[in-house]
PDB file of N, CA and C in Angstrom:
ATOM      1  N   MET A   1       0.818  -1.197   0.000  1.00  0.00           N
ATOM      2  CA  MET A   1       0.000   0.000   0.000  1.00  0.00           C
ATOM      3  C   MET A   1       0.859   1.257   0.000  1.00  0.00           C
ATOM      4  N   ILE A   2       1.950   1.218   0.731  1.00  0.00           N
ATOM      5  CA  ILE A   2       2.831   2.381   0.765  1.00  0.00           C
ATOM      6  C   ILE A   2       3.418   2.670  -0.619  1.00  0.00           C
ATOM      7  N   PRO A   3       3.895   1.661  -1.353  1.00  0.00           N
ATOM      8  CA  PRO A   3       4.418   1.961  -2.689  1.00  0.00           C
ATOM      9  C   PRO A   3       3.375   2.592  -3.612  1.00  0.00           C
ATOM     10  N   THR A   4       2.126   2.226  -3.445  1.00  0.00           N
ATOM     11  CA  THR A   4       1.067   2.819  -4.268  1.00  0.00           C
ATOM     12  C   THR A   4       0.997   4.323  -4.040  1.00  0.00           C
ATOM     13  N   LEU A   5       1.021   4.734  -2.793  1.00  0.00           N
ATOM     14  CA  LEU A   5       0.944   6.158  -2.482  1.00  0.00           C
ATOM     15  C   LEU A   5       2.211   6.889  -2.906  1.00  0.00           C
ATOM     16  N   LEU A   6       3.362   6.246  -2.766  1.00  0.00           N
ATOM     17  CA  LEU A   6       4.602   6.864  -3.231  1.00  0.00           C
ATOM     18  C   LEU A   6       4.567   7.082  -4.741  1.00  0.00           C
ATOM     19  N   LEU A   7       4.079   6.095  -5.474  1.00  0.00           N
ATOM     20  CA  LEU A   7       3.992   6.223  -6.926  1.00  0.00           C
ATOM     21  C   LEU A   7       2.999   7.303  -7.348  1.00  0.00           C
ATOM     22  N   ILE A   8       1.903   7.406  -6.616  1.00  0.00           N
ATOM     23  CA  ILE A   8       0.936   8.475  -6.918  1.00  0.00           C
ATOM     24  C   ILE A   8       1.587   9.828  -6.692  1.00  0.00           C
ATOM     25  N   GLY A   9       2.347   9.947  -5.603  1.00  0.00           N
ATOM     26  CA  GLY A   9       3.069  11.194  -5.339  1.00  0.00           C
ATOM     27  C   GLY A   9       4.080  11.517  -6.420  1.00  0.00           C
ATOM     28  N   LEU A  10       4.784  10.488  -6.897  1.00  0.00           N
ATOM     29  CA  LEU A  10       5.751  10.699  -7.980  1.00  0.00           C
ATOM     30  C   LEU A  10       5.065  11.093  -9.283  1.00  0.00           C
ATOM     31  N   ALA A  11       3.955  10.440  -9.585  1.00  0.00           N
ATOM     32  CA  ALA A  11       3.262  10.688 -10.845  1.00  0.00           C
ATOM     33  C   ALA A  11       2.530  12.030 -10.861  1.00  0.00           C
ATOM     34  N   LEU A  12       1.979  12.415  -9.723  1.00  0.00           N
ATOM     35  CA  LEU A  12       1.150  13.623  -9.679  1.00  0.00           C
ATOM     36  C   LEU A  12       1.747  14.708  -8.791  1.00  0.00           C
ATOM     37  N   GLY A  13       3.066  14.670  -8.612  1.00  0.00           N
ATOM     38  CA  GLY A  13       3.745  15.596  -7.714  1.00  0.00           C
ATOM     39  C   GLY A  13       3.632  17.058  -8.104  1.00  0.00           C
ATOM     40  N   ARG A  14       3.385  17.307  -9.347  1.00  0.00           N
ATOM     41  CA  ARG A  14       3.256  18.692  -9.789  1.00  0.00           C
ATOM     42  C   ARG A  14       2.011  19.360  -9.203  1.00  0.00           C
ATOM     43  N   TRP A  15       0.966  18.587  -8.970  1.00  0.00           N
ATOM     44  CA  TRP A  15      -0.301  19.107  -8.454  1.00  0.00           C
ATOM     45  C   TRP A  15      -0.496  18.712  -6.994  1.00  0.00           C
ATOM     46  N   TRP A  16       0.534  18.882  -6.187  1.00  0.00           N
ATOM     47  CA  TRP A  16       0.535  18.389  -4.816  1.00  0.00           C
ATOM     48  C   TRP A  16      -0.522  19.061  -3.945  1.00  0.00           C
ATOM     49  N   ARG A  17      -0.881  20.282  -4.229  1.00  0.00           N
ATOM     50  CA  ARG A  17      -1.880  20.979  -3.391  1.00  0.00           C
ATOM     51  C   ARG A  17      -3.263  20.339  -3.486  1.00  0.00           C
ATOM     52  N   VAL A  18      -3.521  19.672  -4.582  1.00  0.00           N
ATOM     53  CA  VAL A  18      -4.801  18.991  -4.772  1.00  0.00           C
ATOM     54  C   VAL A  18      -4.682  17.514  -4.396  1.00  0.00           C
ATOM     55  N   VAL A  19      -3.570  16.899  -4.774  1.00  0.00           N
ATOM     56  CA  VAL A  19      -3.409  15.454  -4.625  1.00  0.00           C
ATOM     57  C   VAL A  19      -3.318  15.026  -3.161  1.00  0.00           C
ATOM     58  N   ILE A  20      -2.570  15.761  -2.351  1.00  0.00           N
ATOM     59  CA  ILE A  20      -2.389  15.335  -0.958  1.00  0.00           C
ATOM     60  C   ILE A  20      -3.712  15.333  -0.187  1.00  0.00           C
ATOM     61  N   PRO A  21      -4.516  16.400  -0.226  1.00  0.00           N
ATOM     62  CA  PRO A  21      -5.794  16.333   0.494  1.00  0.00           C
ATOM     63  C   PRO A  21      -6.743  15.256  -0.044  1.00  0.00           C
ATOM     64  N   LEU A  22      -6.794  15.106  -1.377  1.00  0.00           N
ATOM     65  CA  LEU A  22      -7.670  14.076  -1.943  1.00  0.00           C
ATOM     66  C   LEU A  22      -7.230  12.674  -1.546  1.00  0.00           C
ATOM     67  N   ALA A  23      -5.943  12.430  -1.582  1.00  0.00           N
ATOM     68  CA  ALA A  23      -5.441  11.106  -1.197  1.00  0.00           C
ATOM     69  C   ALA A  23      -5.651  10.841   0.291  1.00  0.00           C
ATOM     70  N   THR A  24      -5.517  11.857   1.109  1.00  0.00           N
ATOM     71  CA  THR A  24      -5.726  11.701   2.546  1.00  0.00           C
ATOM     72  C   THR A  24      -7.151  11.238   2.828  1.00  0.00           C
ATOM     73  N   ILE A  25      -8.100  11.903   2.237  1.00  0.00           N
ATOM     74  CA  ILE A  25      -9.508  11.542   2.438  1.00  0.00           C
ATOM     75  C   ILE A  25      -9.840  10.229   1.733  1.00  0.00           C
ATOM     76  N   GLY A  26      -9.380  10.103   0.488  1.00  0.00           N
ATOM     77  CA  GLY A  26      -9.690   8.911  -0.301  1.00  0.00           C
ATOM     78  C   GLY A  26      -9.132   7.634   0.292  1.00  0.00           C
ATOM     79  N   TRP A  27      -7.911   7.683   0.805  1.00  0.00           N
ATOM     80  CA  TRP A  27      -7.296   6.488   1.373  1.00  0.00           C
ATOM     81  C   TRP A  27      -8.044   6.035   2.630  1.00  0.00           C
ATOM     82  N   ALA A  28      -8.404   6.980   3.489  1.00  0.00           N
ATOM     83  CA  ALA A  28      -9.160   6.635   4.692  1.00  0.00           C
ATOM     84  C   ALA A  28     -10.519   6.036   4.316  1.00  0.00           C
ATOM     85  N   ILE A  29     -11.181   6.610   3.345  1.00  0.00           N
ATOM     86  CA  ILE A  29     -12.481   6.080   2.904  1.00  0.00           C
ATOM     87  C   ILE A  29     -12.315   4.691   2.301  1.00  0.00           C
ATOM     88  N   ALA A  30     -11.280   4.515   1.475  1.00  0.00           N
ATOM     89  CA  ALA A  30     -11.056   3.206   0.852  1.00  0.00           C
ATOM     90  C   ALA A  30     -10.820   2.122   1.901  1.00  0.00           C
ATOM     91  N   LEU A  31     -10.068   2.426   2.935  1.00  0.00           N
ATOM     92  CA  LEU A  31      -9.806   1.434   3.975  1.00  0.00           C
ATOM     93  C   LEU A  31     -11.051   1.121   4.799  1.00  0.00           C
ATOM     94  N   ILE A  32     -11.875   2.121   5.041  1.00  0.00           N
ATOM     95  CA  ILE A  32     -13.106   1.885   5.805  1.00  0.00           C
ATOM     96  C   ILE A  32     -14.111   1.108   4.970  1.00  0.00           C
ATOM     97  N   VAL A  33     -14.242   1.443   3.691  1.00  0.00           N
ATOM     98  CA  VAL A  33     -15.194   0.757   2.809  1.00  0.00           C
ATOM     99  C   VAL A  33     -14.821  -0.714   2.641  1.00  0.00           C
ATOM    100  N   THR A  34     -13.543  -1.006   2.573  1.00  0.00           N
ATOM    101  CA  THR A  34     -13.102  -2.395   2.424  1.00  0.00           C
ATOM    102  C   THR A  34     -13.064  -3.135   3.759  1.00  0.00           C
ATOM    103  N   ASP A  35     -13.568  -2.513   4.794  1.00  0.00           N
ATOM    104  CA  ASP A  35     -13.693  -3.108   6.130  1.00  0.00           C
ATOM    105  C   ASP A  35     -12.334  -3.470   6.744  1.00  0.00           C
ATOM    106  N   THR A  36     -11.336  -2.670   6.424  1.00  0.00           N
ATOM    107  CA  THR A  36     -10.022  -2.855   7.033  1.00  0.00           C
ATOM    108  C   THR A  36     -10.020  -2.317   8.452  1.00  0.00           C
ATOM    109  N   GLY A  37     -10.776  -1.289   8.696  1.00  0.00           N
ATOM    110  CA  GLY A  37     -10.880  -0.700  10.026  1.00  0.00           C
ATOM    111  C   GLY A  37     -12.069   0.231  10.071  1.00  0.00           C
ATOM    112  N   SER A  38     -12.316   0.781  11.244  1.00  0.00           N
ATOM    113  CA  SER A  38     -13.439   1.714  11.368  1.00  0.00           C
ATOM    114  C   SER A  38     -13.159   2.673  12.513  1.00  0.00           C
ATOM    115  N   GLY A  39     -13.916   3.706  12.549  1.00  0.00           N
ATOM    116  CA  GLY A  39     -13.799   4.680  13.624  1.00  0.00           C
ATOM    117  C   GLY A  39     -13.029   5.916  13.208  1.00  0.00           C
ATOM    118  N   LEU A  40     -13.228   6.960  13.982  1.00  0.00           N
ATOM    119  CA  LEU A  40     -12.604   8.242  13.701  1.00  0.00           C
ATOM    120  C   LEU A  40     -11.088   8.174  13.874  1.00  0.00           C
ATOM    121  N   GLY A  41     -10.631   7.522  14.924  1.00  0.00           N
ATOM    122  CA  GLY A  41      -9.195   7.391  15.158  1.00  0.00           C
ATOM    123  C   GLY A  41      -8.496   6.661  14.028  1.00  0.00           C
ATOM    124  N   PHE A  42      -9.107   5.594  13.557  1.00  0.00           N
ATOM    125  CA  PHE A  42      -8.540   4.837  12.435  1.00  0.00           C
ATOM    126  C   PHE A  42      -8.486   5.699  11.186  1.00  0.00           C
ATOM    127  N   ALA A  43      -9.559   6.422  10.908  1.00  0.00           N
ATOM    128  CA  ALA A  43      -9.621   7.265   9.713  1.00  0.00           C
ATOM    129  C   ALA A  43      -8.559   8.367   9.769  1.00  0.00           C
ATOM    130  N   LEU A  44      -8.393   8.980  10.934  1.00  0.00           N
ATOM    131  CA  LEU A  44      -7.375  10.025  11.070  1.00  0.00           C
ATOM    132  C   LEU A  44      -5.971   9.467  10.894  1.00  0.00           C
ATOM    133  N   GLY A  45      -5.710   8.333  11.516  1.00  0.00           N
ATOM    134  CA  GLY A  45      -4.393   7.704  11.381  1.00  0.00           C
ATOM    135  C   GLY A  45      -4.099   7.295   9.950  1.00  0.00           C
ATOM    136  N   ALA A  46      -5.074   6.679   9.294  1.00  0.00           N
ATOM    137  CA  ALA A  46      -4.893   6.259   7.904  1.00  0.00           C
ATOM    138  C   ALA A  46      -4.671   7.466   7.005  1.00  0.00           C
ATOM    139  N   GLY A  47      -5.412   8.529   7.248  1.00  0.00           N
ATOM    140  CA  GLY A  47      -5.257   9.745   6.452  1.00  0.00           C
ATOM    141  C   GLY A  47      -3.894  10.386   6.645  1.00  0.00           C
ATOM    142  N   LEU A  48      -3.422  10.431   7.875  1.00  0.00           N
ATOM    143  CA  LEU A  48      -2.108  11.018   8.140  1.00  0.00           C
ATOM    144  C   LEU A  48      -0.990  10.189   7.519  1.00  0.00           C
ATOM    145  N   LEU A  49      -1.085   8.883   7.606  1.00  0.00           N
ATOM    146  CA  LEU A  49      -0.077   8.028   6.980  1.00  0.00           C
ATOM    147  C   LEU A  49      -0.102   8.161   5.459  1.00  0.00           C
ATOM    148  N   ALA A  50      -1.296   8.265   4.899  1.00  0.00           N
ATOM    149  CA  ALA A  50      -1.409   8.450   3.451  1.00  0.00           C
ATOM    150  C   ALA A  50      -0.771   9.770   3.033  1.00  0.00           C
ATOM    151  N   ALA A  51      -1.052  10.821   3.789  1.00  0.00           N
ATOM    152  CA  ALA A  51      -0.485  12.133   3.462  1.00  0.00           C
ATOM    153  C   ALA A  51       1.036  12.113   3.570  1.00  0.00           C
ATOM    154  N   ALA A  52       1.556  11.451   4.593  1.00  0.00           N
ATOM    155  CA  ALA A  52       3.007  11.385   4.769  1.00  0.00           C
ATOM    156  C   ALA A  52       3.667  10.617   3.623  1.00  0.00           C
ATOM    157  N   ASN A  53       3.107   9.477   3.255  1.00  0.00           N
ATOM    158  CA  ASN A  53       3.680   8.681   2.165  1.00  0.00           C
ATOM    159  C   ASN A  53       3.586   9.418   0.833  1.00  0.00           C
ATOM    160  N   LEU A  54       2.474  10.058   0.594  1.00  0.00           N
ATOM    161  CA  LEU A  54       2.313  10.817  -0.636  1.00  0.00           C
ATOM    162  C   LEU A  54       3.266  12.004  -0.674  1.00  0.00           C
ATOM    163  N   ALA A  55       3.464  12.644   0.468  1.00  0.00           N
ATOM    164  CA  ALA A  55       4.377  13.787   0.534  1.00  0.00           C
ATOM    165  C   ALA A  55       5.806  13.372   0.194  1.00  0.00           C
ATOM    166  N   VAL A  56       6.209  12.175   0.591  1.00  0.00           N
ATOM    167  CA  VAL A  56       7.547  11.689   0.242  1.00  0.00           C
ATOM    168  C   VAL A  56       7.669  11.554  -1.280  1.00  0.00           C
ATOM    169  N   GLY A  57       6.663  10.988  -1.907  1.00  0.00           N
ATOM    170  CA  GLY A  57       6.671  10.874  -3.362  1.00  0.00           C
ATOM    171  C   GLY A  57       6.712  12.232  -4.039  1.00  0.00           C
ATOM    172  N   VAL A  58       5.960  13.176  -3.512  1.00  0.00           N
ATOM    173  CA  VAL A  58       5.932  14.529  -4.073  1.00  0.00           C
ATOM    174  C   VAL A  58       7.301  15.192  -3.905  1.00  0.00           C
ATOM    175  N   LEU A  59       7.926  15.016  -2.743  1.00  0.00           N
ATOM    176  CA  LEU A  59       9.244  15.610  -2.515  1.00  0.00           C
ATOM    177  C   LEU A  59      10.293  15.041  -3.468  1.00  0.00           C
ATOM    178  N   VAL A  60      10.238  13.757  -3.730  1.00  0.00           N
ATOM    179  CA  VAL A  60      11.167  13.150  -4.680  1.00  0.00           C
ATOM    180  C   VAL A  60      10.919  13.729  -6.079  1.00  0.00           C
ATOM    181  N   PHE A  61       9.657  13.851  -6.453  1.00  0.00           N
ATOM    182  CA  PHE A  61       9.325  14.444  -7.756  1.00  0.00           C
ATOM    183  C   PHE A  61       9.846  15.873  -7.852  1.00  0.00           C
ATOM    184  N   GLN A  62       9.552  16.680  -6.830  1.00  0.00           N
ATOM    185  CA  GLN A  62       9.965  18.084  -6.850  1.00  0.00           C
ATOM    186  C   GLN A  62      11.484  18.214  -6.850  1.00  0.00           C
ATOM    187  N   GLY A  63      12.177  17.354  -6.102  1.00  0.00           N
ATOM    188  CA  GLY A  63      13.633  17.379  -6.093  1.00  0.00           C
ATOM    189  C   GLY A  63      14.209  17.029  -7.459  1.00  0.00           C
ATOM    190  N   GLY A  64      13.662  15.999  -8.082  1.00  0.00           N
ATOM    191  CA  GLY A  64      14.111  15.623  -9.421  1.00  0.00           C
ATOM    192  C   GLY A  64      13.843  16.710 -10.433  1.00  0.00           C
ATOM    193  N   ARG A  65      12.711  17.334 -10.293  1.00  0.00           N
ATOM    194  CA  ARG A  65      12.353  18.430 -11.208  1.00  0.00           C
ATOM    195  C   ARG A  65      13.312  19.605 -11.040  1.00  0.00           C
ATOM    196  N   SER A  66      13.658  19.926  -9.792  1.00  0.00           N
ATOM    197  CA  SER A  66      14.595  21.022  -9.534  1.00  0.00           C
ATOM    198  C   SER A  66      15.982  20.693 -10.070  1.00  0.00           C
ATOM    199  N   LEU A  67      16.442  19.457  -9.867  1.00  0.00           N
ATOM    200  CA  LEU A  67      17.746  19.054 -10.394  1.00  0.00           C
ATOM    201  C   LEU A  67      17.772  19.123 -11.913  1.00  0.00           C
ATOM    202  N   PHE A  68      16.701  18.700 -12.541  1.00  0.00           N
ATOM    203  CA  PHE A  68      16.617  18.758 -14.000  1.00  0.00           C
ATOM    204  C   PHE A  68      16.708  20.196 -14.486  1.00  0.00           C
ATOM    205  N   ARG A  69      15.955  21.074 -13.851  1.00  0.00           N
ATOM    206  CA  ARG A  69      15.979  22.480 -14.259  1.00  0.00           C
ATOM    207  C   ARG A  69      17.358  23.099 -14.017  1.00  0.00           C
ATOM    208  N   LEU A  70      17.974  22.742 -12.900  1.00  0.00           N
ATOM    209  CA  LEU A  70      19.294  23.273 -12.585  1.00  0.00           C
ATOM    210  C   LEU A  70      20.326  22.795 -13.598  1.00  0.00           C
ATOM    211  N   SER A  71      20.308  21.521 -13.919  1.00  0.00           N
ATOM    212  CA  SER A  71      21.280  20.992 -14.883  1.00  0.00           C
ATOM    213  C   SER A  71      21.026  21.548 -16.276  1.00  0.00           C
ATOM    214  N   ARG A  72      19.790  21.756 -16.599  1.00  0.00           N
ATOM    215  CA  ARG A  72      19.461  22.320 -17.905  1.00  0.00           C
ATOM    216  C   ARG A  72      19.919  23.762 -18.011  1.00  0.00           C
ATOM    217  N   GLY A  73      19.812  24.504 -16.928  1.00  0.00           N
ATOM    218  CA  GLY A  73      20.257  25.883 -16.911  1.00  0.00           C
ATOM    219  C   GLY A  73      21.766  25.996 -16.991  1.00  0.00           C
ATOM    220  N   GLN A  74      22.483  25.097 -16.328  1.00  0.00           N
ATOM    221  CA  GLN A  74      23.941  25.112 -16.395  1.00  0.00           C
ATOM    222  C   GLN A  74      24.431  24.703 -17.774  1.00  0.00           C
ATOM    223  N   ALA A  75      23.742  23.797 -18.416  1.00  0.00           N
ATOM    224  CA  ALA A  75      24.143  23.363 -19.758  1.00  0.00           C
ATOM    225  C   ALA A  75      23.991  24.513 -20.750  1.00  0.00           C
ATOM    226  N   SER A  76      22.964  25.330 -20.604  1.00  0.00           N
ATOM    227  CA  SER A  76      22.770  26.434 -21.539  1.00  0.00           C
ATOM    228  C   SER A  76      23.820  27.517 -21.306  1.00  0.00           C
ATOM    229  N   HIS A  77      24.278  27.686 -20.061  1.00  0.00           N
ATOM    230  CA  HIS A  77      25.325  28.668 -19.771  1.00  0.00           C
ATOM    231  C   HIS A  77      26.680  28.181 -20.294  1.00  0.00           C
ATOM    232  N   ALA A  78      26.910  26.888 -20.265  1.00  0.00           N
ATOM    233  CA  ALA A  78      28.183  26.335 -20.750  1.00  0.00           C
ATOM    234  C   ALA A  78      28.289  26.448 -22.264  1.00  0.00           C
ATOM    235  N   ALA A  79      27.179  26.448 -22.942  1.00  0.00           N
ATOM    236  CA  ALA A  79      27.177  26.503 -24.412  1.00  0.00           C
ATOM    237  C   ALA A  79      27.505  27.907 -24.922  1.00  0.00           C
ATOM    238  N   ARG A  80      27.386  28.893 -24.090  1.00  0.00           N
ATOM    239  CA  ARG A  80      27.629  30.284 -24.512  1.00  0.00           C
ATOM    240  C   ARG A  80      29.080  30.604 -24.631  1.00  0.00           C
TER     241      ARG A  80
END
C-alpha cells in the first residue's frame, strides 16, 4: 500500500496541493469501505499516513524536477 501512495506522489507531484488532500480523504475512505478498520481514530491515522507517504513521493518528484531544471540551466550557460 505504501508503494502505491509513493507512486501516486511521484506521478502527480506537480499538483501536490490537490493530490495530498484528496489522497488523505480517499485512502481513509477506501480502507473503511473495504472493512479494514473503522472509527474516527482509524480514519485520522490512515489519512495522516497516506499524506506522509504521498508527501515523500511529491518531494522526490519536486527534487528531481529542480535538479533537472538546474542541470538544464547550467548546460545552456556552458554553451555560450
